[in-house]
């Protein structure tokens, strides 16, 4: 199992965040748990090729 690192914050009742490897993809959730689910889905989409990153992840 790999570690997924992300940055998150609460703003006016919503949770916002992005994956550290893909800061151009900002997502949100109603709760921190909801945000984490969205971030995991985003990670899966990016690593499976469903979405493409405009900037390659750091090596």
PDB file of N, CA and C in Angstrom:
ATOM      1  N   UNK A   1       0.847  -1.175   0.000  1.00  0.00           N
ATOM      2  CA  UNK A   1       0.000   0.000   0.000  1.00  0.00           C
ATOM      3  C   UNK A   1       0.893   1.238   0.000  1.00  0.00           C
ATOM      4  N   UNK A   2       0.555   2.200  -0.831  1.00  0.00           N
ATOM      5  CA  UNK A   2       1.362   3.408  -0.913  1.00  0.00           C
ATOM      6  C   UNK A   2       0.737   4.532  -0.091  1.00  0.00           C
ATOM      7  N   UNK A   3       1.553   5.514   0.216  1.00  0.00           N
ATOM      8  CA  UNK A   3       1.094   6.678   0.954  1.00  0.00           C
ATOM      9  C   UNK A   3       0.666   7.758  -0.020  1.00  0.00           C
ATOM     10  N   UNK A   4      -0.489   8.336   0.237  1.00  0.00           N
ATOM     11  CA  UNK A   4      -0.980   9.444  -0.570  1.00  0.00           C
ATOM     12  C   UNK A   4      -0.902  10.695   0.299  1.00  0.00           C
ATOM     13  N   UNK A   5      -0.149  11.663  -0.177  1.00  0.00           N
ATOM     14  CA  UNK A   5       0.014  12.900   0.579  1.00  0.00           C
ATOM     15  C   UNK A   5      -0.848  13.987  -0.050  1.00  0.00           C
ATOM     16  N   UNK A   6      -1.520  14.731   0.819  1.00  0.00           N
ATOM     17  CA  UNK A   6      -2.380  15.788   0.318  1.00  0.00           C
ATOM     18  C   UNK A   6      -2.359  16.983   1.255  1.00  0.00           C
ATOM     19  N   UNK A   7      -2.811  18.095   0.730  1.00  0.00           N
ATOM     20  CA  UNK A   7      -2.935  19.340   1.487  1.00  0.00           C
ATOM     21  C   UNK A   7      -4.425  19.626   1.581  1.00  0.00           C
ATOM     22  N   UNK A   8      -4.908  19.991   2.774  1.00  0.00           N
ATOM     23  CA  UNK A   8      -6.322  20.293   2.911  1.00  0.00           C
ATOM     24  C   UNK A   8      -6.533  21.423   3.903  1.00  0.00           C
ATOM     25  N   UNK A   9      -7.694  22.049   3.768  1.00  0.00           N
ATOM     26  CA  UNK A   9      -8.083  23.108   4.687  1.00  0.00           C
ATOM     27  C   UNK A   9      -9.598  23.248   4.645  1.00  0.00           C
ATOM     28  N   UNK A  10     -10.130  23.844   5.714  1.00  0.00           N
ATOM     29  CA  UNK A  10     -11.560  24.106   5.776  1.00  0.00           C
ATOM     30  C   UNK A  10     -11.793  25.572   5.460  1.00  0.00           C
ATOM     31  N   UNK A  11     -12.775  25.831   4.606  1.00  0.00           N
ATOM     32  CA  UNK A  11     -13.083  27.199   4.209  1.00  0.00           C
ATOM     33  C   UNK A  11     -14.596  27.369   4.147  1.00  0.00           C
ATOM     34  N   UNK A  12     -15.127  28.140   5.058  1.00  0.00           N
ATOM     35  CA  UNK A  12     -16.550  28.464   5.068  1.00  0.00           C
ATOM     36  C   UNK A  12     -17.427  27.207   5.059  1.00  0.00           C
ATOM     37  N   UNK A  13     -17.055  26.219   5.871  1.00  0.00           N
ATOM     38  CA  UNK A  13     -17.848  25.001   6.021  1.00  0.00           C
ATOM     39  C   UNK A  13     -17.570  23.899   5.016  1.00  0.00           C
ATOM     40  N   UNK A  14     -16.714  24.154   4.027  1.00  0.00           N
ATOM     41  CA  UNK A  14     -16.358  23.120   3.047  1.00  0.00           C
ATOM     42  C   UNK A  14     -14.894  22.741   3.234  1.00  0.00           C
ATOM     43  N   UNK A  15     -14.578  21.508   2.933  1.00  0.00           N
ATOM     44  CA  UNK A  15     -13.195  21.037   2.976  1.00  0.00           C
ATOM     45  C   UNK A  15     -12.628  21.045   1.568  1.00  0.00           C
ATOM     46  N   UNK A  16     -11.483  21.693   1.389  1.00  0.00           N
ATOM     47  CA  UNK A  16     -10.809  21.789   0.102  1.00  0.00           C
ATOM     48  C   UNK A  16      -9.458  21.109   0.197  1.00  0.00           C
ATOM     49  N   UNK A  17      -8.978  20.581  -0.913  1.00  0.00           N
ATOM     50  CA  UNK A  17      -7.670  19.945  -0.874  1.00  0.00           C
ATOM     51  C   UNK A  17      -7.192  19.523  -2.242  1.00  0.00           C
ATOM     52  N   UNK A  18      -5.924  19.130  -2.265  1.00  0.00           N
ATOM     53  CA  UNK A  18      -5.311  18.633  -3.498  1.00  0.00           C
ATOM     54  C   UNK A  18      -4.220  17.638  -3.136  1.00  0.00           C
ATOM     55  N   UNK A  19      -3.910  16.790  -4.089  1.00  0.00           N
ATOM     56  CA  UNK A  19      -2.825  15.831  -3.927  1.00  0.00           C
ATOM     57  C   UNK A  19      -1.504  16.580  -4.078  1.00  0.00           C
ATOM     58  N   UNK A  20      -0.545  16.304  -3.229  1.00  0.00           N
ATOM     59  CA  UNK A  20       0.734  17.028  -3.306  1.00  0.00           C
ATOM     60  C   UNK A  20       1.427  16.808  -4.642  1.00  0.00           C
ATOM     61  N   UNK A  21       1.237  15.643  -5.246  1.00  0.00           N
ATOM     62  CA  UNK A  21       1.863  15.353  -6.537  1.00  0.00           C
ATOM     63  C   UNK A  21       1.146  16.044  -7.690  1.00  0.00           C
ATOM     64  N   UNK A  22      -0.105  16.450  -7.477  1.00  0.00           N
ATOM     65  CA  UNK A  22      -0.919  17.036  -8.541  1.00  0.00           C
ATOM     66  C   UNK A  22      -1.658  18.273  -8.020  1.00  0.00           C
ATOM     67  N   UNK A  23      -0.943  19.328  -7.702  1.00  0.00           N
ATOM     68  CA  UNK A  23      -1.593  20.502  -7.088  1.00  0.00           C
ATOM     69  C   UNK A  23      -2.569  21.229  -8.006  1.00  0.00           C
ATOM     70  N   UNK A  24      -2.527  20.940  -9.300  1.00  0.00           N
ATOM     71  CA  UNK A  24      -3.441  21.611 -10.226  1.00  0.00           C
ATOM     72  C   UNK A  24      -4.858  21.046 -10.154  1.00  0.00           C
ATOM     73  N   UNK A  25      -5.059  19.919  -9.459  1.00  0.00           N
ATOM     74  CA  UNK A  25      -6.374  19.306  -9.325  1.00  0.00           C
ATOM     75  C   UNK A  25      -6.909  19.539  -7.918  1.00  0.00           C
ATOM     76  N   UNK A  26      -7.662  20.594  -7.750  1.00  0.00           N
ATOM     77  CA  UNK A  26      -8.281  20.939  -6.473  1.00  0.00           C
ATOM     78  C   UNK A  26      -9.647  20.263  -6.402  1.00  0.00           C
ATOM     79  N   UNK A  27      -9.983  19.703  -5.250  1.00  0.00           N
ATOM     80  CA  UNK A  27     -11.291  19.087  -5.072  1.00  0.00           C
ATOM     81  C   UNK A  27     -11.842  19.487  -3.717  1.00  0.00           C
ATOM     82  N   UNK A  28     -13.098  19.151  -3.467  1.00  0.00           N
ATOM     83  CA  UNK A  28     -13.716  19.550  -2.206  1.00  0.00           C
ATOM     84  C   UNK A  28     -14.640  18.474  -1.700  1.00  0.00           C
ATOM     85  N   UNK A  29     -14.989  18.584  -0.422  1.00  0.00           N
ATOM     86  CA  UNK A  29     -15.932  17.675   0.206  1.00  0.00           C
ATOM     87  C   UNK A  29     -16.701  18.387   1.294  1.00  0.00           C
ATOM     88  N   UNK A  30     -17.832  17.818   1.656  1.00  0.00           N
ATOM     89  CA  UNK A  30     -18.642  18.414   2.720  1.00  0.00           C
ATOM     90  C   UNK A  30     -18.013  18.185   4.090  1.00  0.00           C
ATOM     91  N   UNK A  31     -17.282  17.080   4.243  1.00  0.00           N
ATOM     92  CA  UNK A  31     -16.579  16.748   5.475  1.00  0.00           C
ATOM     93  C   UNK A  31     -15.152  16.340   5.106  1.00  0.00           C
ATOM     94  N   UNK A  32     -14.304  16.203   6.112  1.00  0.00           N
ATOM     95  CA  UNK A  32     -12.935  15.755   5.848  1.00  0.00           C
ATOM     96  C   UNK A  32     -12.947  14.342   5.264  1.00  0.00           C
ATOM     97  N   UNK A  33     -13.793  13.469   5.783  1.00  0.00           N
ATOM     98  CA  UNK A  33     -13.889  12.107   5.238  1.00  0.00           C
ATOM     99  C   UNK A  33     -14.341  12.123   3.778  1.00  0.00           C
ATOM    100  N   UNK A  34     -15.298  12.981   3.458  1.00  0.00           N
ATOM    101  CA  UNK A  34     -15.780  13.116   2.088  1.00  0.00           C
ATOM    102  C   UNK A  34     -14.652  13.604   1.174  1.00  0.00           C
ATOM    103  N   UNK A  35     -13.900  14.587   1.637  1.00  0.00           N
ATOM    104  CA  UNK A  35     -12.761  15.094   0.865  1.00  0.00           C
ATOM    105  C   UNK A  35     -11.742  13.986   0.626  1.00  0.00           C
ATOM    106  N   UNK A  36     -11.430  13.214   1.654  1.00  0.00           N
ATOM    107  CA  UNK A  36     -10.465  12.121   1.495  1.00  0.00           C
ATOM    108  C   UNK A  36     -10.937  11.116   0.449  1.00  0.00           C
ATOM    109  N   UNK A  37     -12.242  10.823   0.416  1.00  0.00           N
ATOM    110  CA  UNK A  37     -12.773   9.918  -0.607  1.00  0.00           C
ATOM    111  C   UNK A  37     -12.575  10.499  -2.006  1.00  0.00           C
ATOM    112  N   UNK A  38     -12.853  11.799  -2.153  1.00  0.00           N
ATOM    113  CA  UNK A  38     -12.666  12.453  -3.457  1.00  0.00           C
ATOM    114  C   UNK A  38     -11.192  12.434  -3.872  1.00  0.00           C
ATOM    115  N   UNK A  39     -10.304  12.649  -2.911  1.00  0.00           N
ATOM    116  CA  UNK A  39      -8.876  12.638  -3.222  1.00  0.00           C
ATOM    117  C   UNK A  39      -8.411  11.233  -3.629  1.00  0.00           C
ATOM    118  N   UNK A  40      -8.924  10.206  -2.971  1.00  0.00           N
ATOM    119  CA  UNK A  40      -8.581   8.830  -3.355  1.00  0.00           C
ATOM    120  C   UNK A  40      -9.092   8.515  -4.761  1.00  0.00           C
ATOM    121  N   UNK A  41     -10.315   8.956  -5.068  1.00  0.00           N
ATOM    122  CA  UNK A  41     -10.848   8.760  -6.424  1.00  0.00           C
ATOM    123  C   UNK A  41      -9.982   9.484  -7.451  1.00  0.00           C
ATOM    124  N   UNK A  42      -9.581  10.696  -7.122  1.00  0.00           N
ATOM    125  CA  UNK A  42      -8.735  11.475  -8.021  1.00  0.00           C
ATOM    126  C   UNK A  42      -7.399  10.772  -8.247  1.00  0.00           C
ATOM    127  N   UNK A  43      -6.799  10.260  -7.179  1.00  0.00           N
ATOM    128  CA  UNK A  43      -5.529   9.532  -7.289  1.00  0.00           C
ATOM    129  C   UNK A  43      -5.687   8.330  -8.213  1.00  0.00           C
ATOM    130  N   UNK A  44      -6.783   7.580  -8.036  1.00  0.00           N
ATOM    131  CA  UNK A  44      -7.038   6.419  -8.893  1.00  0.00           C
ATOM    132  C   UNK A  44      -7.183   6.831 -10.357  1.00  0.00           C
ATOM    133  N   UNK A  45      -7.925   7.903 -10.598  1.00  0.00           N
ATOM    134  CA  UNK A  45      -8.124   8.369 -11.975  1.00  0.00           C
ATOM    135  C   UNK A  45      -6.811   8.826 -12.614  1.00  0.00           C
ATOM    136  N   UNK A  46      -5.998   9.516 -11.863  1.00  0.00           N
ATOM    137  CA  UNK A  46      -4.728  10.009 -12.402  1.00  0.00           C
ATOM    138  C   UNK A  46      -3.736   8.885 -12.662  1.00  0.00           C
ATOM    139  N   UNK A  47      -3.672   7.921 -11.782  1.00  0.00           N
ATOM    140  CA  UNK A  47      -2.694   6.840 -11.943  1.00  0.00           C
ATOM    141  C   UNK A  47      -3.159   5.773 -12.927  1.00  0.00           C
ATOM    142  N   UNK A  48      -4.460   5.719 -13.211  1.00  0.00           N
ATOM    143  CA  UNK A  48      -4.966   4.729 -14.174  1.00  0.00           C
ATOM    144  C   UNK A  48      -4.984   5.268 -15.596  1.00  0.00           C
ATOM    145  N   UNK A  49      -4.794   6.576 -15.743  1.00  0.00           N
ATOM    146  CA  UNK A  49      -4.802   7.166 -17.069  1.00  0.00           C
ATOM    147  C   UNK A  49      -6.141   7.742 -17.478  1.00  0.00           C
ATOM    148  N   UNK A  50      -7.166   7.636 -16.620  1.00  0.00           N
ATOM    149  CA  UNK A  50      -8.471   8.211 -16.927  1.00  0.00           C
ATOM    150  C   UNK A  50      -8.334   9.725 -17.080  1.00  0.00           C
ATOM    151  N   UNK A  51      -7.573  10.347 -16.205  1.00  0.00           N
ATOM    152  CA  UNK A  51      -7.225  11.766 -16.296  1.00  0.00           C
ATOM    153  C   UNK A  51      -5.741  11.859 -16.560  1.00  0.00           C
ATOM    154  N   UNK A  52      -5.327  12.912 -17.217  1.00  0.00           N
ATOM    155  CA  UNK A  52      -3.906  13.134 -17.414  1.00  0.00           C
ATOM    156  C   UNK A  52      -3.491  14.398 -16.699  1.00  0.00           C
ATOM    157  N   UNK A  53      -2.356  14.354 -16.072  1.00  0.00           N
ATOM    158  CA  UNK A  53      -1.837  15.505 -15.351  1.00  0.00           C
ATOM    159  C   UNK A  53      -1.148  16.438 -16.333  1.00  0.00           C
ATOM    160  N   UNK A  54      -1.368  17.738 -16.141  1.00  0.00           N
ATOM    161  CA  UNK A  54      -0.717  18.705 -17.036  1.00  0.00           C
ATOM    162  C   UNK A  54       0.755  18.875 -16.674  1.00  0.00           C
ATOM    163  N   UNK A  55       1.097  18.519 -15.450  1.00  0.00           N
ATOM    164  CA  UNK A  55       2.481  18.596 -14.990  1.00  0.00           C
ATOM    165  C   UNK A  55       2.845  17.217 -14.467  1.00  0.00           C
ATOM    166  N   UNK A  56       3.920  16.614 -14.928  1.00  0.00           N
ATOM    167  CA  UNK A  56       4.274  15.285 -14.431  1.00  0.00           C
ATOM    168  C   UNK A  56       4.630  15.328 -12.949  1.00  0.00           C
ATOM    169  N   UNK A  57       4.320  14.260 -12.210  1.00  0.00           N
ATOM    170  CA  UNK A  57       4.680  14.233 -10.792  1.00  0.00           C
ATOM    171  C   UNK A  57       6.191  14.257 -10.612  1.00  0.00           C
ATOM    172  N   UNK A  58       6.634  14.783  -9.466  1.00  0.00           N
ATOM    173  CA  UNK A  58       8.087  14.819  -9.215  1.00  0.00           C
ATOM    174  C   UNK A  58       8.645  13.404  -9.094  1.00  0.00           C
ATOM    175  N   UNK A  59       9.868  13.227  -9.495  1.00  0.00           N
ATOM    176  CA  UNK A  59      10.485  11.889  -9.422  1.00  0.00           C
ATOM    177  C   UNK A  59      11.207  11.687  -8.125  1.00  0.00           C
TER     178      UNK A  59
END
